[in-house]
C-alpha atoms as a PDB file:
ATOM      1  CA  MET A   1     -30.589   4.144  75.013  1.00  0.00           C
ATOM      2  CA  GLY A   2     -33.069   6.059  72.913  1.00  0.00           C
ATOM      3  CA  VAL A   3     -32.358   9.617  71.822  1.00  0.00           C
ATOM      4  CA  PHE A   4     -29.919   9.997  74.810  1.00  0.00           C
ATOM      5  CA  VAL A   5     -27.256   8.575  72.761  1.00  0.00           C
ATOM      6  CA  PHE A   6     -27.314  11.610  70.630  1.00  0.00           C
ATOM      7  CA  LEU A   7     -27.232  14.151  73.349  1.00  0.00           C
ATOM      8  CA  PRO A   8     -23.339  14.300  73.762  1.00  0.00           C
ATOM      9  CA  LEU A   9     -23.109  15.472  70.142  1.00  0.00           C
ATOM     10  CA  VAL A  10     -25.083  18.642  70.683  1.00  0.00           C
ATOM     11  CA  LEU A  11     -24.535  19.393  74.360  1.00  0.00           C
ATOM     12  CA  PRO A  12     -21.338  21.309  73.675  1.00  0.00           C
ATOM     13  CA  LEU A  13     -23.692  24.162  72.528  1.00  0.00           C
ATOM     14  CA  SER A  14     -24.534  24.485  76.237  1.00  0.00           C
ATOM     15  CA  ALA A  15     -20.935  25.673  76.819  1.00  0.00           C
ATOM     16  CA  TRP A  16     -20.967  28.520  74.346  1.00  0.00           C
ATOM     17  CA  PRO A  17     -22.237  31.172  76.789  1.00  0.00           C
ATOM     18  CA  ILE A  18     -19.491  30.515  79.324  1.00  0.00           C
ATOM     19  CA  ALA A  19     -16.721  30.800  76.652  1.00  0.00           C
ATOM     20  CA  ARG A  20     -16.982  34.614  76.235  1.00  0.00           C
ATOM     21  CA  LEU A  21     -18.193  35.332  79.706  1.00  0.00           C
ATOM     22  CA  ALA A  22     -15.368  33.554  81.401  1.00  0.00           C
ATOM     23  CA  GLU A  23     -12.834  35.647  79.291  1.00  0.00           C
ATOM     24  CA  GLN A  24     -14.363  38.762  80.683  1.00  0.00           C
ATOM     25  CA  HIS A  25     -15.361  38.004  84.242  1.00  0.00           C
ATOM     26  CA  LEU A  26     -13.253  35.208  85.578  1.00  0.00           C
ATOM     27  CA  HIS A  27      -9.684  35.280  86.662  1.00  0.00           C
ATOM     28  CA  PRO A  28      -7.626  33.906  83.656  1.00  0.00           C
ATOM     29  CA  ARG A  29      -6.305  30.995  85.637  1.00  0.00           C
ATOM     30  CA  ALA A  30      -9.845  29.867  86.759  1.00  0.00           C
ATOM     31  CA  ALA A  31     -11.174  30.488  83.299  1.00  0.00           C
ATOM     32  CA  THR A  32      -8.415  28.384  81.603  1.00  0.00           C
ATOM     33  CA  TRP A  33      -9.031  25.413  84.002  1.00  0.00           C
ATOM     34  CA  LEU A  34     -12.816  25.689  83.786  1.00  0.00           C
ATOM     35  CA  LEU A  35     -13.001  25.860  79.995  1.00  0.00           C
ATOM     36  CA  THR A  36     -10.494  23.128  79.424  1.00  0.00           C
ATOM     37  CA  ALA A  37     -12.160  20.792  81.771  1.00  0.00           C
ATOM     38  CA  VAL A  38     -15.604  21.380  80.178  1.00  0.00           C
ATOM     39  CA  ALA A  39     -14.170  20.946  76.636  1.00  0.00           C
ATOM     40  CA  GLY A  40     -12.291  17.752  77.578  1.00  0.00           C
ATOM     41  CA  VAL A  41     -15.305  16.115  79.132  1.00  0.00           C
ATOM     42  CA  LEU A  42     -17.658  17.136  76.192  1.00  0.00           C
ATOM     43  CA  ALA A  43     -15.144  15.954  73.672  1.00  0.00           C
ATOM     44  CA  VAL A  44     -14.609  12.577  75.220  1.00  0.00           C
ATOM     45  CA  CYS A  45     -18.404  12.055  75.562  1.00  0.00           C
ATOM     46  CA  SER A  46     -19.168  13.002  71.923  1.00  0.00           C
ATOM     47  CA  THR A  47     -16.417  10.709  70.714  1.00  0.00           C
ATOM     48  CA  LEU A  48     -17.803   7.840  72.885  1.00  0.00           C
ATOM     49  CA  CYS A  49     -21.244   8.569  71.303  1.00  0.00           C
ATOM     50  CA  LEU A  50     -19.748   8.132  67.786  1.00  0.00           C
ATOM     51  CA  ALA A  51     -18.059   4.930  68.822  1.00  0.00           C
ATOM     52  CA  LEU A  52     -21.304   3.442  70.178  1.00  0.00           C
ATOM     53  CA  LEU A  53     -23.149   4.447  66.924  1.00  0.00           C
ATOM     54  CA  MET A  54     -20.322   3.077  64.828  1.00  0.00           C
ATOM     55  CA  VAL A  55     -20.714  -0.373  66.544  1.00  0.00           C
ATOM     56  CA  VAL A  56     -24.319  -0.461  65.476  1.00  0.00           C
ATOM     57  CA  GLY A  57     -23.540   0.778  61.987  1.00  0.00           C
ATOM     58  CA  THR A  58     -20.636  -1.586  61.446  1.00  0.00           C
ATOM     59  CA  ALA A  59     -22.813  -4.572  62.413  1.00  0.00           C
ATOM     60  CA  GLN A  60     -25.208  -3.762  59.545  1.00  0.00           C
ATOM     61  CA  LEU A  61     -22.407  -3.969  56.868  1.00  0.00           C
ATOM     62  CA  PRO A  62     -22.310  -7.288  54.956  1.00  0.00           C
ATOM     63  CA  GLY A  63     -19.202  -9.262  55.655  1.00  0.00           C
ATOM     64  CA  ASN A  64     -18.316  -7.534  58.822  1.00  0.00           C
ATOM     65  CA  PRO A  65     -16.214  -9.428  61.371  1.00  0.00           C
ATOM     66  CA  LEU A  66     -18.636  -8.735  64.246  1.00  0.00           C
ATOM     67  CA  PRO A  67     -20.946 -11.407  65.648  1.00  0.00           C
ATOM     68  CA  ASP A  68     -24.077 -12.027  63.623  1.00  0.00           C
ATOM     69  CA  GLY A  69     -26.188 -11.379  66.782  1.00  0.00           C
ATOM     70  CA  TRP A  70     -25.077  -7.650  66.864  1.00  0.00           C
ATOM     71  CA  SER A  71     -27.119  -6.935  63.811  1.00  0.00           C
ATOM     72  CA  ASP A  72     -30.381  -8.437  65.094  1.00  0.00           C
ATOM     73  CA  PRO A  73     -33.371  -6.237  65.104  1.00  0.00           C
ATOM     74  CA  GLU A  74     -33.525  -6.284  68.820  1.00  0.00           C
ATOM     75  CA  VAL A  75     -30.087  -4.681  69.035  1.00  0.00           C
ATOM     76  CA  ARG A  76     -30.715  -2.193  66.242  1.00  0.00           C
ATOM     77  CA  GLU A  77     -33.891  -1.091  68.129  1.00  0.00           C
ATOM     78  CA  ALA A  78     -31.800   0.311  70.857  1.00  0.00           C
ATOM     79  CA  VAL A  79     -30.603   3.027  68.706  1.00  0.00           C
ATOM     80  CA  PRO A  80     -33.195   5.303  66.967  1.00  0.00           C
ATOM     81  CA  TYR A  81     -32.556   5.906  63.246  1.00  0.00           C
ATOM     82  CA  ASP A  82     -29.911   3.173  63.358  1.00  0.00           C
ATOM     83  CA  GLU A  83     -29.658   2.697  59.673  1.00  0.00           C
ATOM     84  CA  VAL A  84     -28.670   6.296  58.922  1.00  0.00           C
ATOM     85  CA  ALA A  85     -26.929   7.255  62.187  1.00  0.00           C
ATOM     86  CA  GLY A  86     -24.922   4.077  62.423  1.00  0.00           C
ATOM     87  CA  LYS A  87     -23.491   4.282  58.913  1.00  0.00           C
ATOM     88  CA  VAL A  88     -22.816   7.997  59.126  1.00  0.00           C
ATOM     89  CA  ALA A  89     -20.989   7.496  62.386  1.00  0.00           C
ATOM     90  CA  ILE A  90     -18.459   5.141  60.731  1.00  0.00           C
ATOM     91  CA  PRO A  91     -16.666   7.805  58.610  1.00  0.00           C
ATOM     92  CA  ALA A  92     -17.376  10.542  61.131  1.00  0.00           C
ATOM     93  CA  LEU A  93     -15.359   8.626  63.862  1.00  0.00           C
ATOM     94  CA  PHE A  94     -12.535   8.029  61.524  1.00  0.00           C
ATOM     95  CA  VAL A  95     -12.364  11.606  60.540  1.00  0.00           C
ATOM     96  CA  VAL A  96     -12.290  12.553  64.317  1.00  0.00           C
ATOM     97  CA  LEU A  97      -9.541  10.108  65.073  1.00  0.00           C
ATOM     98  CA  ALA A  98      -7.551  11.230  62.144  1.00  0.00           C
ATOM     99  CA  ALA A  99      -7.836  14.929  62.854  1.00  0.00           C
ATOM    100  CA  CYS A 100      -6.934  14.354  66.589  1.00  0.00           C
ATOM    101  CA  THR A 101      -3.925  12.154  65.674  1.00  0.00           C
ATOM    102  CA  ARG A 102      -2.726  14.728  63.125  1.00  0.00           C
ATOM    103  CA  ALA A 103      -2.953  17.573  65.679  1.00  0.00           C
ATOM    104  CA  ALA A 104      -1.116  15.543  68.352  1.00  0.00           C
ATOM    105  CA  TRP A 105       1.586  14.435  65.880  1.00  0.00           C
ATOM    106  CA  ARG A 106       2.126  17.997  64.630  1.00  0.00           C
ATOM    107  CA  HIS A 107       2.474  19.234  68.175  1.00  0.00           C
ATOM    108  CA  HIS A 108       5.074  16.485  68.883  1.00  0.00           C
ATOM    109  CA  ARG A 109       6.943  17.112  65.681  1.00  0.00           C
ATOM    110  CA  VAL A 110       7.196  20.877  66.123  1.00  0.00           C
ATOM    111  CA  ARG A 111       8.486  20.377  69.728  1.00  0.00           C
ATOM    112  CA  ARG A 112      11.009  17.848  68.567  1.00  0.00           C
ATOM    113  CA  ARG A 113      12.229  20.032  65.762  1.00  0.00           C
ATOM    114  CA  ALA A 114      12.548  23.006  68.067  1.00  0.00           C
ATOM    115  CA  THR A 115      14.479  20.959  70.642  1.00  0.00           C
ATOM    116  CA  TYR A 116      16.868  19.752  67.955  1.00  0.00           C
ATOM    117  CA  VAL A 117      17.589  23.263  66.755  1.00  0.00           C
ATOM    118  CA  LEU A 118      18.425  24.388  70.386  1.00  0.00           C
ATOM    119  CA  ALA A 119      20.560  21.340  70.987  1.00  0.00           C
ATOM    120  CA  GLY A 120      23.843  23.107  70.201  1.00  0.00           C
ATOM    121  CA  LEU A 121      23.104  26.162  72.488  1.00  0.00           C
ATOM    122  CA  PRO A 122      24.152  26.372  76.104  1.00  0.00           C
ATOM    123  CA  ALA A 123      21.779  24.530  78.465  1.00  0.00           C
ATOM    124  CA  GLN A 124      20.104  27.582  79.975  1.00  0.00           C
ATOM    125  CA  SER A 125      16.488  28.434  80.683  1.00  0.00           C
ATOM    126  CA  VAL A 126      16.603  31.165  77.956  1.00  0.00           C
ATOM    127  CA  ALA A 127      17.686  30.552  74.447  1.00  0.00           C
ATOM    128  CA  VAL A 128      18.363  33.566  72.273  1.00  0.00           C
ATOM    129  CA  LEU A 129      18.621  32.825  68.551  1.00  0.00           C
ATOM    130  CA  PRO A 130      20.656  35.051  66.261  1.00  0.00           C
ATOM    131  CA  ASP A 131      17.589  35.626  64.002  1.00  0.00           C
ATOM    132  CA  ARG A 132      16.349  38.885  62.686  1.00  0.00           C
ATOM    133  CA  THR A 133      12.791  37.481  62.536  1.00  0.00           C
ATOM    134  CA  PRO A 134      11.007  38.599  65.748  1.00  0.00           C
ATOM    135  CA  TYR A 135       9.351  35.950  67.673  1.00  0.00           C
ATOM    136  CA  ALA A 136       9.233  34.443  71.250  1.00  0.00           C
ATOM    137  CA  TYR A 137       7.565  31.422  72.696  1.00  0.00           C
ATOM    138  CA  ALA A 138       7.763  28.905  75.502  1.00  0.00           C
ATOM    139  CA  LEU A 139       9.202  25.452  74.583  1.00  0.00           C
ATOM    140  CA  PRO A 140       8.170  22.930  77.195  1.00  0.00           C
ATOM    141  CA  GLY A 141      10.592  20.025  78.085  1.00  0.00           C
ATOM    142  CA  ARG A 142      11.405  17.448  80.715  1.00  0.00           C
ATOM    143  CA  ARG A 143      13.525  19.821  82.825  1.00  0.00           C
ATOM    144  CA  GLY A 144      11.173  22.735  82.850  1.00  0.00           C
ATOM    145  CA  GLY A 145      11.407  23.880  79.285  1.00  0.00           C
ATOM    146  CA  ARG A 146      13.153  26.842  77.862  1.00  0.00           C
ATOM    147  CA  VAL A 147      12.147  30.406  76.708  1.00  0.00           C
ATOM    148  CA  VAL A 148      13.003  30.913  73.084  1.00  0.00           C
ATOM    149  CA  ALA A 149      13.464  34.418  71.745  1.00  0.00           C
ATOM    150  CA  THR A 150      15.331  35.918  68.832  1.00  0.00           C
ATOM    151  CA  THR A 151      17.564  38.905  68.662  1.00  0.00           C
ATOM    152  CA  GLY A 152      15.079  40.605  66.194  1.00  0.00           C
ATOM    153  CA  MET A 153      12.475  40.434  69.042  1.00  0.00           C
ATOM    154  CA  LEU A 154      14.645  41.632  71.891  1.00  0.00           C
ATOM    155  CA  GLU A 155      16.133  44.523  69.948  1.00  0.00           C
ATOM    156  CA  GLY A 156      12.732  46.113  69.751  1.00  0.00           C
ATOM    157  CA  LEU A 157      12.173  46.101  73.555  1.00  0.00           C
ATOM    158  CA  THR A 158      13.657  48.026  76.433  1.00  0.00           C
ATOM    159  CA  SER A 159      15.242  46.150  79.350  1.00  0.00           C
ATOM    160  CA  SER A 160      12.138  46.323  81.499  1.00  0.00           C
ATOM    161  CA  GLU A 161       9.971  45.095  78.562  1.00  0.00           C
ATOM    162  CA  ARG A 162      12.429  42.199  78.045  1.00  0.00           C
ATOM    163  CA  ARG A 163      12.003  41.216  81.593  1.00  0.00           C
ATOM    164  CA  ALA A 164       8.246  41.193  81.059  1.00  0.00           C
ATOM    165  CA  LEU A 165       8.706  38.991  77.916  1.00  0.00           C
ATOM    166  CA  PHE A 166      10.813  36.535  79.877  1.00  0.00           C
ATOM    167  CA  ALA A 167       8.459  36.576  82.885  1.00  0.00           C
ATOM    168  CA  HIS A 168       5.515  35.988  80.492  1.00  0.00           C
ATOM    169  CA  GLU A 169       7.088  32.913  78.822  1.00  0.00           C
ATOM    170  CA  ARG A 170       8.278  31.404  82.158  1.00  0.00           C
ATOM    171  CA  ALA A 171       4.642  31.735  83.397  1.00  0.00           C
ATOM    172  CA  HIS A 172       3.634  29.581  80.356  1.00  0.00           C
ATOM    173  CA  LEU A 173       6.186  27.053  81.222  1.00  0.00           C
ATOM    174  CA  SER A 174       5.469  26.801  85.000  1.00  0.00           C
ATOM    175  CA  GLY A 175       1.724  26.679  84.290  1.00  0.00           C
ATOM    176  CA  ARG A 176       2.063  23.947  81.688  1.00  0.00           C
ATOM    177  CA  HIS A 177      -0.053  25.968  79.387  1.00  0.00           C
ATOM    178  CA  HIS A 178       0.838  23.889  76.386  1.00  0.00           C
ATOM    179  CA  ARG A 179      -1.192  21.097  77.877  1.00  0.00           C
ATOM    180  CA  PHE A 180      -4.332  23.201  78.108  1.00  0.00           C
ATOM    181  CA  LEU A 181      -3.871  24.482  74.563  1.00  0.00           C
ATOM    182  CA  LEU A 182      -3.306  20.926  73.221  1.00  0.00           C
ATOM    183  CA  ALA A 183      -6.363  19.685  75.095  1.00  0.00           C
ATOM    184  CA  VAL A 184      -8.693  22.226  73.607  1.00  0.00           C
ATOM    185  CA  GLN A 185      -7.125  21.768  70.174  1.00  0.00           C
ATOM    186  CA  LEU A 186      -7.946  18.027  70.307  1.00  0.00           C
ATOM    187  CA  ALA A 187     -11.472  18.792  71.770  1.00  0.00           C
ATOM    188  CA  ALA A 188     -12.274  21.161  68.977  1.00  0.00           C
ATOM    189  CA  ARG A 189     -11.232  18.454  66.437  1.00  0.00           C
ATOM    190  CA  ALA A 190     -13.331  15.888  68.195  1.00  0.00           C
ATOM    191  CA  ASN A 191     -16.464  18.113  68.025  1.00  0.00           C
ATOM    192  CA  PRO A 192     -16.557  21.340  65.985  1.00  0.00           C
ATOM    193  CA  PHE A 193     -19.106  22.820  68.413  1.00  0.00           C
ATOM    194  CA  LEU A 194     -16.174  23.129  70.883  1.00  0.00           C
ATOM    195  CA  ARG A 195     -14.223  25.667  68.775  1.00  0.00           C
ATOM    196  CA  PRO A 196     -15.363  28.643  70.728  1.00  0.00           C
ATOM    197  CA  LEU A 197     -13.888  27.072  73.821  1.00  0.00           C
ATOM    198  CA  ARG A 198     -10.619  26.546  72.013  1.00  0.00           C
ATOM    199  CA  THR A 199     -10.536  30.205  71.118  1.00  0.00           C
ATOM    200  CA  ALA A 200     -11.387  31.362  74.711  1.00  0.00           C
ATOM    201  CA  VAL A 201      -8.672  29.122  76.223  1.00  0.00           C
ATOM    202  CA  SER A 202      -6.045  30.416  73.823  1.00  0.00           C
ATOM    203  CA  TYR A 203      -6.854  33.878  75.039  1.00  0.00           C
ATOM    204  CA  THR A 204      -7.157  33.056  78.843  1.00  0.00           C
ATOM    205  CA  ALA A 205      -3.950  31.182  78.791  1.00  0.00           C
ATOM    206  CA  GLU A 206      -2.156  34.351  77.470  1.00  0.00           C
ATOM    207  CA  ARG A 207      -4.022  36.417  80.008  1.00  0.00           C
ATOM    208  CA  TRP A 208      -2.934  34.046  82.814  1.00  0.00           C
ATOM    209  CA  ALA A 209       0.667  34.591  81.773  1.00  0.00           C
ATOM    210  CA  ASP A 210       0.163  38.379  81.407  1.00  0.00           C
ATOM    211  CA  GLU A 211      -0.942  38.543  85.068  1.00  0.00           C
ATOM    212  CA  GLU A 212       1.937  36.387  86.236  1.00  0.00           C
ATOM    213  CA  ALA A 213       4.374  38.642  84.284  1.00  0.00           C
ATOM    214  CA  ALA A 214       2.816  41.734  85.724  1.00  0.00           C
ATOM    215  CA  ALA A 215       3.232  40.407  89.299  1.00  0.00           C
ATOM    216  CA  ALA A 216       6.833  39.443  88.531  1.00  0.00           C
ATOM    217  CA  VAL A 217       7.870  42.700  86.943  1.00  0.00           C
ATOM    218  CA  GLY A 218       5.709  44.878  89.292  1.00  0.00           C
ATOM    219  CA  SER A 219       4.173  46.947  86.520  1.00  0.00           C
ATOM    220  CA  ARG A 220       1.158  46.056  84.538  1.00  0.00           C
ATOM    221  CA  ARG A 221       1.808  49.032  82.129  1.00  0.00           C
ATOM    222  CA  VAL A 222       5.253  47.672  81.265  1.00  0.00           C
ATOM    223  CA  VAL A 223       3.784  44.244  80.346  1.00  0.00           C
ATOM    224  CA  ALA A 224       1.048  46.006  78.217  1.00  0.00           C
ATOM    225  CA  ARG A 225       3.633  48.072  76.469  1.00  0.00           C
ATOM    226  CA  ALA A 226       5.822  45.041  75.725  1.00  0.00           C
ATOM    227  CA  ILE A 227       2.841  43.107  74.308  1.00  0.00           C
ATOM    228  CA  GLY A 228       1.808  45.976  72.133  1.00  0.00           C
ATOM    229  CA  LYS A 229       5.277  46.382  70.693  1.00  0.00           C
ATOM    230  CA  ALA A 230       5.793  42.792  70.121  1.00  0.00           C
ATOM    231  CA  ALA A 231       2.393  42.365  68.339  1.00  0.00           C
ATOM    232  CA  LEU A 232       3.389  44.841  65.666  1.00  0.00           C
ATOM    233  CA  VAL A 233       6.254  42.706  64.475  1.00  0.00           C
ATOM    234  CA  SER A 234       6.022  39.225  66.036  1.00  0.00           C
ATOM    235  CA  ARG A 235       5.188  36.048  64.141  1.00  0.00           C
ATOM    236  CA  GLY A 236       4.005  34.294  67.235  1.00  0.00           C
ATOM    237  CA  ALA A 237       4.578  30.713  68.184  1.00  0.00           C
ATOM    238  CA  PRO A 238       5.299  27.962  65.514  1.00  0.00           C
ATOM    239  CA  ILE A 239       2.116  26.181  66.387  1.00  0.00           C
ATOM    240  CA  ALA A 240      -1.073  26.899  68.158  1.00  0.00           C
ATOM    241  CA  THR A 241      -0.435  24.395  70.853  1.00  0.00           C
ATOM    242  CA  LEU A 242       2.726  26.266  72.018  1.00  0.00           C
ATOM    243  CA  ALA A 243       2.259  29.683  73.825  1.00  0.00           C
ATOM    244  CA  GLY A 244       3.656  32.670  72.212  1.00  0.00           C
ATOM    245  CA  PHE A 245       4.297  36.138  73.601  1.00  0.00           C
ATOM    246  CA  ALA A 246       2.155  38.215  71.137  1.00  0.00           C
ATOM    247  CA  VAL A 247      -0.093  36.820  68.487  1.00  0.00           C
ATOM    248  CA  ALA A 248      -2.626  38.506  66.328  1.00  0.00           C
ATOM    249  CA  GLY A 249      -6.229  38.820  67.421  1.00  0.00           C
ATOM    250  CA  PRO A 250      -6.629  39.164  71.205  1.00  0.00           C
ATOM    251  CA  VAL A 251      -3.772  41.545  71.770  1.00  0.00           C
ATOM    252  CA  PRO A 252      -5.922  44.751  72.067  1.00  0.00           C
ATOM    253  CA  ARG A 253      -8.103  43.028  74.627  1.00  0.00           C
ATOM    254  CA  ARG A 254      -5.120  41.857  76.599  1.00  0.00           C
ATOM    255  CA  VAL A 255      -3.531  45.333  76.569  1.00  0.00           C
ATOM    256  CA  ALA A 256      -6.799  46.890  77.736  1.00  0.00           C
ATOM    257  CA  ALA A 257      -7.140  44.232  80.561  1.00  0.00           C
ATOM    258  CA  LEU A 258      -3.506  45.005  81.801  1.00  0.00           C
ATOM    259  CA  LEU A 259      -4.246  48.791  81.793  1.00  0.00           C
ATOM    260  CA  GLY A 260      -7.208  48.153  84.117  1.00  0.00           C
ATOM    261  CA  PRO A 261      -7.389  46.759  87.646  1.00  0.00           C
ATOM    262  CA  ALA A 262      -6.046  43.243  88.345  1.00  0.00           C
ATOM    263  CA  PRO A 263      -8.699  40.541  88.145  1.00  0.00           C
ATOM    264  CA  VAL A 264     -10.309  39.114  91.328  1.00  0.00           C
ATOM    265  CA  GLU A 265      -9.075  35.681  92.084  1.00  0.00           C
ATOM    266  CA  ARG A 266     -12.136  33.248  92.438  1.00  0.00           C
ATOM    267  CA  VAL A 267     -12.344  29.582  92.018  1.00  0.00           C
ATOM    268  CA  TRP A 268     -15.968  29.633  90.974  1.00  0.00           C
ATOM    269  CA  PRO A 269     -18.121  32.702  90.123  1.00  0.00           C
ATOM    270  CA  PRO A 270     -21.241  33.521  92.290  1.00  0.00           C
ATOM    271  CA  ALA A 271     -24.382  31.780  91.061  1.00  0.00           C
ATOM    272  CA  SER A 272     -26.301  35.250  91.153  1.00  0.00           C
ATOM    273  CA  THR A 273     -24.074  36.674  88.265  1.00  0.00           C
ATOM    274  CA  THR A 274     -24.409  36.150  84.569  1.00  0.00           C
ATOM    275  CA  VAL A 275     -21.108  34.328  84.375  1.00  0.00           C
ATOM    276  CA  GLY A 276     -22.074  32.200  87.309  1.00  0.00           C
ATOM    277  CA  LEU A 277     -25.361  31.065  85.525  1.00  0.00           C
ATOM    278  CA  ALA A 278     -23.335  30.374  82.343  1.00  0.00           C
ATOM    279  CA  ALA A 279     -20.730  28.395  84.299  1.00  0.00           C
ATOM    280  CA  TRP A 280     -23.446  26.309  86.001  1.00  0.00           C
ATOM    281  CA  GLY A 281     -24.996  25.793  82.616  1.00  0.00           C
ATOM    282  CA  ALA A 282     -21.737  24.597  81.189  1.00  0.00           C
ATOM    283  CA  ALA A 283     -21.143  22.277  84.094  1.00  0.00           C
ATOM    284  CA  ALA A 284     -24.676  20.965  83.927  1.00  0.00           C
ATOM    285  CA  GLY A 285     -24.227  20.222  80.140  1.00  0.00           C
ATOM    286  CA  ALA A 286     -20.947  18.382  80.766  1.00  0.00           C
ATOM    287  CA  THR A 287     -22.614  16.356  83.593  1.00  0.00           C
ATOM    288  CA  VAL A 288     -25.550  15.371  81.373  1.00  0.00           C
ATOM    289  CA  SER A 289     -23.283  14.464  78.571  1.00  0.00           C
ATOM    290  CA  ALA A 290     -21.153  12.322  80.755  1.00  0.00           C
ATOM    291  CA  LEU A 291     -24.171  10.593  82.262  1.00  0.00           C
ATOM    292  CA  SER A 292     -25.758  10.076  78.806  1.00  0.00           C
ATOM    293  CA  SER A 293     -22.596   8.592  77.405  1.00  0.00           C
ATOM    294  CA  ALA A 294     -22.094   6.316  80.458  1.00  0.00           C
ATOM    295  CA  ASN A 295     -25.791   5.158  80.415  1.00  0.00           C
ATOM    296  CA  SER A 296     -25.583   4.452  76.603  1.00  0.00           C
ATOM    297  CA  ALA A 297     -22.269   2.684  76.814  1.00  0.00           C
ATOM    298  CA  VAL A 298     -23.489   0.436  79.697  1.00  0.00           C
ATOM    299  CA  THR A 299     -26.801  -0.318  78.052  1.00  0.00           C
ATOM    300  CA  LEU A 300     -25.255  -1.156  74.649  1.00  0.00           C
ATOM    301  CA  PHE A 301     -22.650  -3.392  76.458  1.00  0.00           C
ATOM    302  CA  PHE A 302     -25.334  -5.494  78.123  1.00  0.00           C
ATOM    303  CA  ILE A 303     -27.425  -5.632  74.865  1.00  0.00           C
ATOM    304  CA  LEU A 304     -24.459  -6.800  72.822  1.00  0.00           C
ATOM    305  CA  LYS A 305     -23.424  -9.247  75.506  1.00  0.00           C
ATOM    306  CA  ALA A 306     -26.931 -10.787  75.511  1.00  0.00           C
ATOM    307  CA  ALA A 307     -27.035 -10.883  71.669  1.00  0.00           C
ATOM    308  CA  THR A 308     -23.556 -12.537  71.469  1.00  0.00           C
ATOM    309  CA  PRO A 309     -23.722 -16.365  71.004  1.00  0.00           C
ATOM    310  CA  LEU A 310     -21.722 -18.323  73.633  1.00  0.00           C
END
């Protein structure tokens, strides 16, 4: 395996250039899919890398339940710096698994609590809560989900701006944006180098819904005005893995994008552009990471199989 086993841990750095460029130059739908796919592949590969290193590290511990042959010098030579890397990988993998489990459980718990709160309301696609606190978000569900908004949010918007709000949240539901947001949240917890991609997807998912709302309402300016008003008072979604109408941070960029021309829809940017080169670089990094992980896993499997007494 050699040093290739360590590559998946650092190859997420190759995706940093595409994170910001995709926000600016790709259609939000294409950017969301691309960045989420790259983040997912890199996160799985880096976690597999830790698992492989943990096997070697665990075999060195006295009293471990693994076969004695797994700690033979021939096995340990397959991983460079096995004494340090193997032992460090054990707590690192547990931290990754605990962080991902906590994020997934929190997402499930918030969805379950929100569904419980809305259980007494009429079964409609829009749930308006009598709450003076202004917020609105998309709550996914088995039957397509619901748009949740409070009276405090709706009172500050005109009728056309309310339509923009509802169209925006319906776009989140129809596009299943919560899945993209949850995927990049888990990826960022699996490897901290993937945090820029998590931030980028949080922005591109909102831009995706902005463009869908603008098409539904027929006015980009109305959507921009609704986002600007809501951002001044909104608390946003109850958790980062649920899409909210207006959250702090990227709102000025979203408004500026809506006041400009609609983005060009492309599945993949031209290779002759800066964003195209960055996209190919990120794709190459993800491919090398996957191949390195697969090669290391297969190699270690055959080594451990040969070292296991019959």
